[in-house]
Amino acid sequence: VIIIPNAIPFTSTIEFQNKLKFTKRVIMVGRVSSEKGYDRLIPIAEKLKYRFPDWTIDIYGDGPDLPKLKESLEEKGLMGYVICHGQVKDIQNQYPKGDILIMTSYTEALPMVIIEANYYGIPVVAYENEGTLSLVNNGKDGYIIKDDDVTSFVFHLQNLIEDYQAYKSMSNFAHMNALNYSIDPVR
């Protein structure tokens, strides 16, 4: 049996470059459905908003749980801090506008969103599951967080936001790792 991983699905005219400063945007990309764990975003967003009110969490995606997510965000006073953009056709142009990718999924196989974000040098903070464990090099290009450990999740986000040198190091490692999923190495 030979396993051939997916390759980065787009070629971008936007090249990776070290950011000189943060855009102050945490991003989430993907289908808004129950297995993606968007319900676990709420307590993370509450704590992050308290610590970093000038940042936002931008969600790119659509799905059956989007109305329920928006309702929860409204109830908790998080609308505006968490921005739901819906599905976008040019996701490759949105990644460079983000600083950190978060993933709250309960389960994943091979989450392409991690590879895509890493291509643009975006570190990942994600809950532990089979897919995140296969792609995130804990402490090198992101952090893997034990299931439902909101305190640790926010702590590691805070570290990335407050330690720009560590962020840049992870950003570089993320980009280099993503190149392993370019078309040529995958062939």
N, C-alpha and C. Protein backbone atom coordinates (compact mmCIF):
# COMPACT_ATOMS: atom_id res chain seq x y z
N VAL A 1 0.84 -1.17 0.00
CA VAL A 1 0.00 0.00 0.00
C VAL A 1 0.89 1.23 0.00
N ILE A 2 0.58 2.15 -0.87
CA ILE A 2 1.29 3.43 -0.92
C ILE A 2 0.28 4.52 -0.60
N ILE A 3 0.65 5.38 0.32
CA ILE A 3 -0.21 6.51 0.67
C ILE A 3 0.35 7.75 0.01
N ILE A 4 -0.47 8.41 -0.76
CA ILE A 4 -0.06 9.65 -1.42
C ILE A 4 -0.84 10.79 -0.79
N PRO A 5 -0.15 11.68 -0.08
CA PRO A 5 -0.86 12.78 0.57
C PRO A 5 -1.38 13.79 -0.46
N ASN A 6 -2.35 14.56 -0.04
CA ASN A 6 -2.85 15.63 -0.89
C ASN A 6 -1.78 16.70 -1.03
N ALA A 7 -1.81 17.39 -2.14
CA ALA A 7 -0.89 18.50 -2.36
C ALA A 7 -1.61 19.80 -2.08
N ILE A 8 -0.85 20.85 -1.90
CA ILE A 8 -1.43 22.18 -1.75
C ILE A 8 -2.29 22.43 -2.99
N PRO A 9 -3.58 22.74 -2.81
CA PRO A 9 -4.51 22.76 -3.94
C PRO A 9 -4.47 24.01 -4.80
N PHE A 10 -3.66 24.98 -4.45
CA PHE A 10 -3.65 26.19 -5.25
C PHE A 10 -2.22 26.67 -5.43
N THR A 11 -2.05 27.40 -6.48
CA THR A 11 -0.79 28.11 -6.67
C THR A 11 -1.15 29.57 -6.52
N SER A 12 -0.38 30.23 -5.72
CA SER A 12 -0.73 31.60 -5.38
C SER A 12 0.27 32.58 -5.95
N THR A 13 -0.21 33.74 -6.28
CA THR A 13 0.68 34.81 -6.69
C THR A 13 1.20 35.54 -5.46
N ILE A 14 0.59 35.27 -4.32
CA ILE A 14 1.04 35.88 -3.07
C ILE A 14 2.08 34.96 -2.46
N GLU A 15 3.29 35.41 -2.39
CA GLU A 15 4.38 34.59 -1.86
C GLU A 15 4.47 34.75 -0.35
N PHE A 16 5.00 33.71 0.28
CA PHE A 16 5.25 33.79 1.72
C PHE A 16 6.33 34.83 1.98
N GLN A 17 6.11 35.63 2.98
CA GLN A 17 7.13 36.55 3.44
C GLN A 17 6.92 36.77 4.93
N ASN A 18 8.03 36.96 5.62
CA ASN A 18 7.93 37.23 7.05
C ASN A 18 7.14 38.50 7.26
N LYS A 19 6.18 38.42 8.15
CA LYS A 19 5.40 39.61 8.47
C LYS A 19 6.25 40.56 9.31
N LEU A 20 6.13 41.82 9.03
CA LEU A 20 6.85 42.81 9.83
C LEU A 20 6.04 43.18 11.06
N LYS A 21 4.75 42.96 10.99
CA LYS A 21 3.88 43.17 12.15
C LYS A 21 2.62 42.34 11.97
N PHE A 22 1.91 42.16 13.05
CA PHE A 22 0.68 41.39 13.01
C PHE A 22 -0.45 42.16 12.32
N THR A 23 -1.33 41.41 11.66
CA THR A 23 -2.56 41.99 11.16
C THR A 23 -3.63 41.93 12.25
N LYS A 24 -3.31 41.22 13.34
CA LYS A 24 -4.18 41.06 14.51
C LYS A 24 -5.45 40.30 14.16
N ARG A 25 -5.24 39.22 13.40
CA ARG A 25 -6.37 38.39 12.99
C ARG A 25 -6.05 36.92 13.21
N VAL A 26 -6.89 36.27 13.99
CA VAL A 26 -6.87 34.83 14.13
C VAL A 26 -7.89 34.33 13.12
N ILE A 27 -7.57 33.25 12.40
CA ILE A 27 -8.51 32.79 11.38
C ILE A 27 -8.93 31.34 11.64
N MET A 28 -10.10 31.03 11.15
CA MET A 28 -10.62 29.67 11.10
C MET A 28 -11.15 29.48 9.68
N VAL A 29 -10.87 28.32 9.10
CA VAL A 29 -11.31 28.05 7.74
C VAL A 29 -11.92 26.66 7.70
N GLY A 30 -13.12 26.58 7.13
CA GLY A 30 -13.72 25.27 6.96
C GLY A 30 -15.23 25.27 7.13
N ARG A 31 -15.77 24.12 6.89
CA ARG A 31 -17.21 23.89 6.98
C ARG A 31 -17.67 24.11 8.42
N VAL A 32 -18.74 24.84 8.58
CA VAL A 32 -19.30 25.10 9.92
C VAL A 32 -20.32 24.01 10.21
N SER A 33 -19.81 22.94 10.80
CA SER A 33 -20.66 21.78 11.13
C SER A 33 -20.20 21.21 12.46
N SER A 34 -21.01 20.34 13.03
CA SER A 34 -20.79 19.88 14.40
C SER A 34 -19.43 19.25 14.64
N GLU A 35 -18.91 18.46 13.70
CA GLU A 35 -17.63 17.79 13.93
C GLU A 35 -16.45 18.77 13.96
N LYS A 36 -16.67 19.97 13.45
CA LYS A 36 -15.60 20.98 13.42
C LYS A 36 -15.45 21.72 14.75
N GLY A 37 -16.36 21.48 15.68
CA GLY A 37 -16.19 21.99 17.03
C GLY A 37 -16.30 23.49 17.21
N TYR A 38 -17.08 24.14 16.39
CA TYR A 38 -17.23 25.59 16.53
C TYR A 38 -17.85 25.96 17.88
N ASP A 39 -18.56 25.02 18.51
CA ASP A 39 -19.09 25.28 19.84
C ASP A 39 -17.94 25.50 20.84
N ARG A 40 -16.78 24.91 20.57
CA ARG A 40 -15.63 25.07 21.46
C ARG A 40 -14.91 26.40 21.24
N LEU A 41 -15.29 27.11 20.19
CA LEU A 41 -14.71 28.43 19.93
C LEU A 41 -15.19 29.47 20.93
N ILE A 42 -16.42 29.37 21.39
CA ILE A 42 -17.03 30.41 22.22
C ILE A 42 -16.19 30.74 23.46
N PRO A 43 -15.84 29.77 24.31
CA PRO A 43 -15.04 30.13 25.49
C PRO A 43 -13.64 30.63 25.14
N ILE A 44 -13.09 30.16 24.03
CA ILE A 44 -11.78 30.66 23.60
C ILE A 44 -11.90 32.12 23.20
N ALA A 45 -12.93 32.43 22.42
CA ALA A 45 -13.14 33.80 21.95
C ALA A 45 -13.40 34.75 23.12
N GLU A 46 -14.15 34.30 24.12
CA GLU A 46 -14.42 35.15 25.29
C GLU A 46 -13.12 35.54 25.98
N LYS A 47 -12.25 34.57 26.20
CA LYS A 47 -10.98 34.85 26.90
C LYS A 47 -10.04 35.67 26.04
N LEU A 48 -10.01 35.37 24.76
CA LEU A 48 -9.12 36.11 23.86
C LEU A 48 -9.57 37.56 23.74
N LYS A 49 -10.86 37.78 23.66
CA LYS A 49 -11.39 39.15 23.56
C LYS A 49 -11.02 39.96 24.81
N TYR A 50 -11.08 39.33 25.95
CA TYR A 50 -10.73 40.00 27.20
C TYR A 50 -9.25 40.41 27.19
N ARG A 51 -8.38 39.52 26.72
CA ARG A 51 -6.94 39.78 26.74
C ARG A 51 -6.47 40.63 25.56
N PHE A 52 -7.09 40.45 24.40
CA PHE A 52 -6.65 41.12 23.18
C PHE A 52 -7.86 41.69 22.43
N PRO A 53 -8.45 42.75 22.97
CA PRO A 53 -9.67 43.29 22.37
C PRO A 53 -9.47 43.92 20.99
N ASP A 54 -8.21 44.19 20.62
CA ASP A 54 -7.95 44.80 19.31
C ASP A 54 -7.71 43.76 18.22
N TRP A 55 -7.78 42.47 18.55
CA TRP A 55 -7.68 41.39 17.59
C TRP A 55 -9.09 40.98 17.17
N THR A 56 -9.18 40.18 16.09
CA THR A 56 -10.46 39.57 15.69
C THR A 56 -10.23 38.10 15.38
N ILE A 57 -11.31 37.36 15.37
CA ILE A 57 -11.31 35.98 14.89
C ILE A 57 -12.18 35.97 13.64
N ASP A 58 -11.56 35.67 12.51
CA ASP A 58 -12.26 35.68 11.22
C ASP A 58 -12.53 34.25 10.77
N ILE A 59 -13.79 33.93 10.54
CA ILE A 59 -14.19 32.59 10.12
C ILE A 59 -14.57 32.63 8.65
N TYR A 60 -13.93 31.75 7.87
CA TYR A 60 -14.23 31.60 6.45
C TYR A 60 -14.82 30.22 6.25
N GLY A 61 -16.09 30.17 5.95
CA GLY A 61 -16.75 28.89 5.73
C GLY A 61 -18.24 29.01 5.96
N ASP A 62 -18.94 28.02 5.49
CA ASP A 62 -20.39 27.97 5.60
C ASP A 62 -20.77 26.55 5.99
N GLY A 63 -21.97 26.38 6.41
CA GLY A 63 -22.41 25.05 6.75
C GLY A 63 -23.66 25.06 7.60
N PRO A 64 -24.17 23.89 7.94
CA PRO A 64 -25.45 23.79 8.62
C PRO A 64 -25.46 24.39 10.03
N ASP A 65 -24.31 24.51 10.67
CA ASP A 65 -24.27 25.05 12.03
C ASP A 65 -23.98 26.55 12.09
N LEU A 66 -23.87 27.20 10.93
CA LEU A 66 -23.57 28.63 10.94
C LEU A 66 -24.64 29.46 11.65
N PRO A 67 -25.94 29.23 11.42
CA PRO A 67 -26.94 30.01 12.15
C PRO A 67 -26.83 29.84 13.68
N LYS A 68 -26.61 28.60 14.12
CA LYS A 68 -26.46 28.33 15.55
C LYS A 68 -25.22 29.02 16.11
N LEU A 69 -24.12 29.00 15.35
CA LEU A 69 -22.89 29.68 15.77
C LEU A 69 -23.13 31.18 15.92
N LYS A 70 -23.77 31.77 14.93
CA LYS A 70 -24.04 33.21 14.99
C LYS A 70 -24.93 33.56 16.18
N GLU A 71 -25.89 32.71 16.46
CA GLU A 71 -26.77 32.93 17.62
C GLU A 71 -25.96 32.89 18.92
N SER A 72 -25.07 31.92 19.05
CA SER A 72 -24.23 31.82 20.25
C SER A 72 -23.31 33.02 20.38
N LEU A 73 -22.74 33.46 19.27
CA LEU A 73 -21.86 34.63 19.30
C LEU A 73 -22.63 35.87 19.73
N GLU A 74 -23.85 36.00 19.22
CA GLU A 74 -24.70 37.14 19.59
C GLU A 74 -25.03 37.11 21.08
N GLU A 75 -25.41 35.94 21.58
CA GLU A 75 -25.75 35.79 23.01
C GLU A 75 -24.59 36.15 23.92
N LYS A 76 -23.38 35.84 23.50
CA LYS A 76 -22.18 36.08 24.32
C LYS A 76 -21.54 37.44 24.05
N GLY A 77 -22.14 38.24 23.17
CA GLY A 77 -21.59 39.56 22.87
C GLY A 77 -20.28 39.49 22.09
N LEU A 78 -20.15 38.48 21.25
CA LEU A 78 -18.90 38.28 20.51
C LEU A 78 -18.99 38.65 19.03
N MET A 79 -20.20 38.99 18.56
CA MET A 79 -20.33 39.41 17.16
C MET A 79 -19.51 40.69 16.98
N GLY A 80 -18.78 40.75 15.92
CA GLY A 80 -17.89 41.88 15.70
C GLY A 80 -16.47 41.52 16.10
N TYR A 81 -16.33 40.79 17.20
CA TYR A 81 -15.01 40.26 17.55
C TYR A 81 -14.75 38.99 16.75
N VAL A 82 -15.76 38.16 16.65
CA VAL A 82 -15.73 36.99 15.76
C VAL A 82 -16.54 37.38 14.53
N ILE A 83 -15.90 37.33 13.38
CA ILE A 83 -16.53 37.77 12.14
C ILE A 83 -16.73 36.56 11.22
N CYS A 84 -17.97 36.30 10.87
CA CYS A 84 -18.30 35.18 9.98
C CYS A 84 -18.40 35.70 8.56
N HIS A 85 -17.44 35.35 7.73
CA HIS A 85 -17.40 35.83 6.35
C HIS A 85 -18.17 34.94 5.39
N GLY A 86 -18.53 33.74 5.84
CA GLY A 86 -19.16 32.79 4.93
C GLY A 86 -18.12 32.17 4.02
N GLN A 87 -18.60 31.46 3.03
CA GLN A 87 -17.70 30.81 2.08
C GLN A 87 -17.12 31.86 1.13
N VAL A 88 -15.82 31.76 0.88
CA VAL A 88 -15.17 32.67 -0.06
C VAL A 88 -14.52 31.86 -1.17
N LYS A 89 -14.49 32.43 -2.35
CA LYS A 89 -13.91 31.73 -3.50
C LYS A 89 -12.40 31.88 -3.57
N ASP A 90 -11.88 32.89 -2.91
CA ASP A 90 -10.45 33.19 -3.01
C ASP A 90 -9.74 33.00 -1.67
N ILE A 91 -9.94 31.84 -1.05
CA ILE A 91 -9.37 31.62 0.27
C ILE A 91 -7.85 31.82 0.28
N GLN A 92 -7.20 31.51 -0.84
CA GLN A 92 -5.75 31.70 -0.89
C GLN A 92 -5.35 33.16 -0.72
N ASN A 93 -6.27 34.07 -0.98
CA ASN A 93 -5.99 35.49 -0.78
C ASN A 93 -6.33 35.95 0.64
N GLN A 94 -7.02 35.11 1.40
CA GLN A 94 -7.38 35.46 2.77
C GLN A 94 -6.32 35.01 3.77
N TYR A 95 -5.65 33.90 3.48
CA TYR A 95 -4.64 33.40 4.42
C TYR A 95 -3.59 34.44 4.78
N PRO A 96 -3.01 35.16 3.82
CA PRO A 96 -1.97 36.13 4.20
C PRO A 96 -2.46 37.25 5.10
N LYS A 97 -3.77 37.42 5.19
CA LYS A 97 -4.34 38.45 6.06
C LYS A 97 -4.47 37.97 7.50
N GLY A 98 -4.20 36.69 7.74
CA GLY A 98 -4.31 36.13 9.08
C GLY A 98 -2.95 35.92 9.71
N ASP A 99 -2.93 35.81 11.02
CA ASP A 99 -1.69 35.60 11.75
C ASP A 99 -1.59 34.20 12.34
N ILE A 100 -2.69 33.70 12.86
CA ILE A 100 -2.71 32.40 13.52
C ILE A 100 -3.97 31.68 13.08
N LEU A 101 -3.85 30.40 12.77
CA LEU A 101 -5.00 29.57 12.45
C LEU A 101 -5.37 28.78 13.69
N ILE A 102 -6.65 28.77 14.03
CA ILE A 102 -7.10 27.90 15.11
C ILE A 102 -8.04 26.85 14.55
N MET A 103 -7.97 25.66 15.17
CA MET A 103 -8.80 24.56 14.74
C MET A 103 -9.37 23.89 15.99
N THR A 104 -10.68 23.85 16.06
CA THR A 104 -11.36 23.31 17.24
C THR A 104 -12.06 21.99 16.95
N SER A 105 -11.71 21.35 15.86
CA SER A 105 -12.38 20.12 15.42
C SER A 105 -12.27 19.00 16.43
N TYR A 106 -13.34 18.21 16.49
CA TYR A 106 -13.34 16.99 17.30
C TYR A 106 -12.57 15.89 16.58
N THR A 107 -12.68 15.88 15.25
CA THR A 107 -12.01 14.86 14.45
C THR A 107 -11.62 15.45 13.11
N GLU A 108 -10.52 14.97 12.58
CA GLU A 108 -10.03 15.37 11.26
C GLU A 108 -9.27 14.19 10.66
N ALA A 109 -9.19 14.14 9.36
CA ALA A 109 -8.37 13.13 8.69
C ALA A 109 -7.04 13.79 8.31
N LEU A 110 -6.99 14.46 7.18
CA LEU A 110 -5.83 15.24 6.77
C LEU A 110 -6.33 16.65 6.50
N PRO A 111 -6.33 17.50 7.52
CA PRO A 111 -6.91 18.84 7.37
C PRO A 111 -6.07 19.73 6.46
N MET A 112 -6.51 19.85 5.22
CA MET A 112 -5.79 20.66 4.24
C MET A 112 -5.64 22.10 4.68
N VAL A 113 -6.56 22.57 5.50
CA VAL A 113 -6.49 23.96 5.96
C VAL A 113 -5.17 24.21 6.71
N ILE A 114 -4.65 23.22 7.40
CA ILE A 114 -3.37 23.38 8.10
C ILE A 114 -2.24 23.53 7.09
N ILE A 115 -2.23 22.68 6.08
CA ILE A 115 -1.19 22.76 5.05
C ILE A 115 -1.26 24.10 4.32
N GLU A 116 -2.47 24.52 3.99
CA GLU A 116 -2.65 25.79 3.29
C GLU A 116 -2.18 26.96 4.14
N ALA A 117 -2.58 26.98 5.40
CA ALA A 117 -2.16 28.06 6.30
C ALA A 117 -0.65 28.06 6.48
N ASN A 118 -0.09 26.87 6.68
CA ASN A 118 1.36 26.77 6.85
C ASN A 118 2.11 27.29 5.63
N TYR A 119 1.54 27.08 4.45
CA TYR A 119 2.17 27.57 3.22
C TYR A 119 2.42 29.08 3.31
N TYR A 120 1.50 29.77 3.97
CA TYR A 120 1.64 31.22 4.13
C TYR A 120 2.33 31.59 5.44
N GLY A 121 2.94 30.60 6.08
CA GLY A 121 3.68 30.87 7.31
C GLY A 121 2.80 31.13 8.51
N ILE A 122 1.61 30.57 8.51
CA ILE A 122 0.68 30.79 9.62
C ILE A 122 0.74 29.61 10.57
N PRO A 123 1.21 29.84 11.80
CA PRO A 123 1.21 28.78 12.80
C PRO A 123 -0.22 28.40 13.20
N VAL A 124 -0.34 27.21 13.78
CA VAL A 124 -1.65 26.64 14.11
C VAL A 124 -1.73 26.34 15.59
N VAL A 125 -2.87 26.64 16.18
CA VAL A 125 -3.20 26.15 17.53
C VAL A 125 -4.47 25.33 17.33
N ALA A 126 -4.38 24.03 17.71
CA ALA A 126 -5.47 23.12 17.39
C ALA A 126 -5.69 22.11 18.50
N TYR A 127 -6.94 21.70 18.66
CA TYR A 127 -7.22 20.60 19.56
C TYR A 127 -6.69 19.30 18.96
N GLU A 128 -6.28 18.42 19.83
CA GLU A 128 -5.69 17.15 19.44
C GLU A 128 -6.72 16.22 18.80
N ASN A 129 -6.38 15.73 17.62
CA ASN A 129 -7.11 14.66 16.96
C ASN A 129 -6.16 14.04 15.94
N GLU A 130 -6.59 12.98 15.30
CA GLU A 130 -5.67 12.25 14.41
C GLU A 130 -5.10 13.13 13.29
N GLY A 131 -5.89 14.03 12.76
CA GLY A 131 -5.43 14.89 11.67
C GLY A 131 -4.46 15.96 12.12
N THR A 132 -4.76 16.60 13.24
CA THR A 132 -3.85 17.66 13.70
C THR A 132 -2.53 17.05 14.17
N LEU A 133 -2.60 15.87 14.78
CA LEU A 133 -1.37 15.21 15.22
C LEU A 133 -0.47 14.85 14.03
N SER A 134 -1.07 14.58 12.87
CA SER A 134 -0.27 14.20 11.71
C SER A 134 0.38 15.40 11.02
N LEU A 135 -0.11 16.61 11.26
CA LEU A 135 0.40 17.77 10.53
C LEU A 135 1.08 18.83 11.38
N VAL A 136 0.71 18.97 12.64
CA VAL A 136 1.28 20.03 13.47
C VAL A 136 2.46 19.47 14.26
N ASN A 137 3.61 20.09 14.11
CA ASN A 137 4.80 19.75 14.87
C ASN A 137 4.77 20.58 16.14
N ASN A 138 4.26 19.98 17.20
CA ASN A 138 3.98 20.70 18.45
C ASN A 138 5.22 21.47 18.94
N GLY A 139 5.03 22.78 19.09
CA GLY A 139 6.10 23.64 19.56
C GLY A 139 7.01 24.15 18.47
N LYS A 140 6.85 23.65 17.23
CA LYS A 140 7.70 24.09 16.12
C LYS A 140 6.95 24.93 15.09
N ASP A 141 5.75 24.49 14.71
CA ASP A 141 4.96 25.27 13.77
C ASP A 141 3.54 25.49 14.28
N GLY A 142 3.35 25.19 15.54
CA GLY A 142 2.05 25.36 16.17
C GLY A 142 1.98 24.59 17.46
N TYR A 143 0.79 24.50 17.98
CA TYR A 143 0.57 23.81 19.26
C TYR A 143 -0.63 22.88 19.15
N ILE A 144 -0.47 21.70 19.71
CA ILE A 144 -1.56 20.74 19.84
C ILE A 144 -2.04 20.82 21.29
N ILE A 145 -3.34 21.00 21.46
CA ILE A 145 -3.92 21.18 22.78
C ILE A 145 -4.80 19.98 23.12
N LYS A 146 -4.66 19.49 24.34
CA LYS A 146 -5.51 18.38 24.79
C LYS A 146 -6.97 18.79 24.70
N ASP A 147 -7.82 17.82 24.47
CA ASP A 147 -9.24 18.03 24.26
C ASP A 147 -9.88 18.93 25.32
N ASP A 148 -10.52 19.98 24.86
CA ASP A 148 -11.31 20.90 25.68
C ASP A 148 -10.52 21.63 26.77
N ASP A 149 -9.22 21.74 26.65
CA ASP A 149 -8.40 22.50 27.60
C ASP A 149 -8.34 23.96 27.13
N VAL A 150 -9.40 24.68 27.42
CA VAL A 150 -9.54 26.07 26.96
C VAL A 150 -8.40 26.93 27.51
N THR A 151 -8.03 26.72 28.77
CA THR A 151 -6.97 27.52 29.40
C THR A 151 -5.66 27.36 28.63
N SER A 152 -5.30 26.14 28.30
CA SER A 152 -4.07 25.89 27.55
C SER A 152 -4.17 26.45 26.13
N PHE A 153 -5.33 26.32 25.52
CA PHE A 153 -5.54 26.83 24.17
C PHE A 153 -5.26 28.34 24.15
N VAL A 154 -5.88 29.06 25.07
CA VAL A 154 -5.72 30.52 25.12
C VAL A 154 -4.29 30.89 25.52
N PHE A 155 -3.69 30.14 26.43
CA PHE A 155 -2.31 30.39 26.86
C PHE A 155 -1.36 30.33 25.66
N HIS A 156 -1.52 29.31 24.82
CA HIS A 156 -0.63 29.17 23.67
C HIS A 156 -0.91 30.23 22.60
N LEU A 157 -2.15 30.60 22.43
CA LEU A 157 -2.46 31.73 21.54
C LEU A 157 -1.79 33.00 22.05
N GLN A 158 -1.91 33.23 23.34
CA GLN A 158 -1.31 34.41 23.97
C GLN A 158 0.21 34.41 23.77
N ASN A 159 0.85 33.26 23.92
CA ASN A 159 2.29 33.17 23.71
C ASN A 159 2.68 33.59 22.30
N LEU A 160 1.92 33.10 21.32
CA LEU A 160 2.22 33.47 19.93
C LEU A 160 2.02 34.97 19.70
N ILE A 161 1.00 35.53 20.31
CA ILE A 161 0.71 36.95 20.12
C ILE A 161 1.75 37.82 20.82
N GLU A 162 2.19 37.41 21.98
CA GLU A 162 3.09 38.25 22.78
C GLU A 162 4.58 38.04 22.50
N ASP A 163 4.95 36.90 21.93
CA ASP A 163 6.37 36.62 21.67
C ASP A 163 6.59 36.58 20.16
N TYR A 164 6.86 37.75 19.60
CA TYR A 164 6.95 37.86 18.14
C TYR A 164 8.13 37.07 17.57
N GLN A 165 9.22 36.97 18.32
CA GLN A 165 10.37 36.19 17.83
C GLN A 165 9.99 34.71 17.72
N ALA A 166 9.29 34.19 18.72
CA ALA A 166 8.84 32.80 18.67
C ALA A 166 7.85 32.62 17.52
N TYR A 167 6.98 33.61 17.35
CA TYR A 167 6.01 33.56 16.25
C TYR A 167 6.74 33.47 14.90
N LYS A 168 7.74 34.32 14.68
CA LYS A 168 8.46 34.32 13.41
C LYS A 168 9.16 32.99 13.17
N SER A 169 9.73 32.43 14.21
CA SER A 169 10.39 31.14 14.09
C SER A 169 9.39 30.06 13.68
N MET A 170 8.23 30.04 14.34
CA MET A 170 7.18 29.08 13.99
C MET A 170 6.65 29.32 12.58
N SER A 171 6.54 30.57 12.21
CA SER A 171 6.06 30.93 10.88
C SER A 171 7.00 30.37 9.81
N ASN A 172 8.28 30.55 9.99
CA ASN A 172 9.26 30.02 9.03
C ASN A 172 9.20 28.51 8.96
N PHE A 173 9.13 27.85 10.11
CA PHE A 173 9.08 26.39 10.14
C PHE A 173 7.80 25.89 9.47
N ALA A 174 6.70 26.58 9.72
CA ALA A 174 5.42 26.19 9.11
C ALA A 174 5.52 26.24 7.60
N HIS A 175 6.08 27.32 7.08
CA HIS A 175 6.20 27.45 5.63
C HIS A 175 7.09 26.35 5.04
N MET A 176 8.22 26.12 5.67
CA MET A 176 9.14 25.10 5.16
C MET A 176 8.47 23.71 5.19
N ASN A 177 7.74 23.42 6.24
CA ASN A 177 7.05 22.14 6.35
C ASN A 177 5.98 21.99 5.27
N ALA A 178 5.26 23.08 4.98
CA ALA A 178 4.19 23.02 3.97
C ALA A 178 4.74 22.74 2.58
N LEU A 179 5.97 23.13 2.32
CA LEU A 179 6.56 22.89 1.01
C LEU A 179 6.67 21.40 0.70
N ASN A 180 6.67 20.57 1.75
CA ASN A 180 6.65 19.12 1.54
C ASN A 180 5.36 18.65 0.88
N TYR A 181 4.35 19.49 0.88
CA TYR A 181 3.05 19.16 0.28
C TYR A 181 2.82 19.90 -1.03
N SER A 182 3.88 20.45 -1.61
CA SER A 182 3.77 21.04 -2.94
C SER A 182 3.61 19.91 -3.95
N ILE A 183 3.22 20.25 -5.14
CA ILE A 183 2.94 19.24 -6.17
C ILE A 183 4.14 18.32 -6.42
N ASP A 184 5.32 18.87 -6.62
CA ASP A 184 6.48 18.05 -6.97
C ASP A 184 6.85 17.01 -5.92
N PRO A 185 6.99 17.38 -4.64
CA PRO A 185 7.31 16.33 -3.65
C PRO A 185 6.23 15.26 -3.49
N VAL A 186 4.98 15.62 -3.73
CA VAL A 186 3.88 14.68 -3.56
C VAL A 186 3.84 13.67 -4.70
N ARG A 187 4.28 14.09 -5.88
CA ARG A 187 4.23 13.19 -7.07
C ARG A 187 4.96 11.93 -6.82
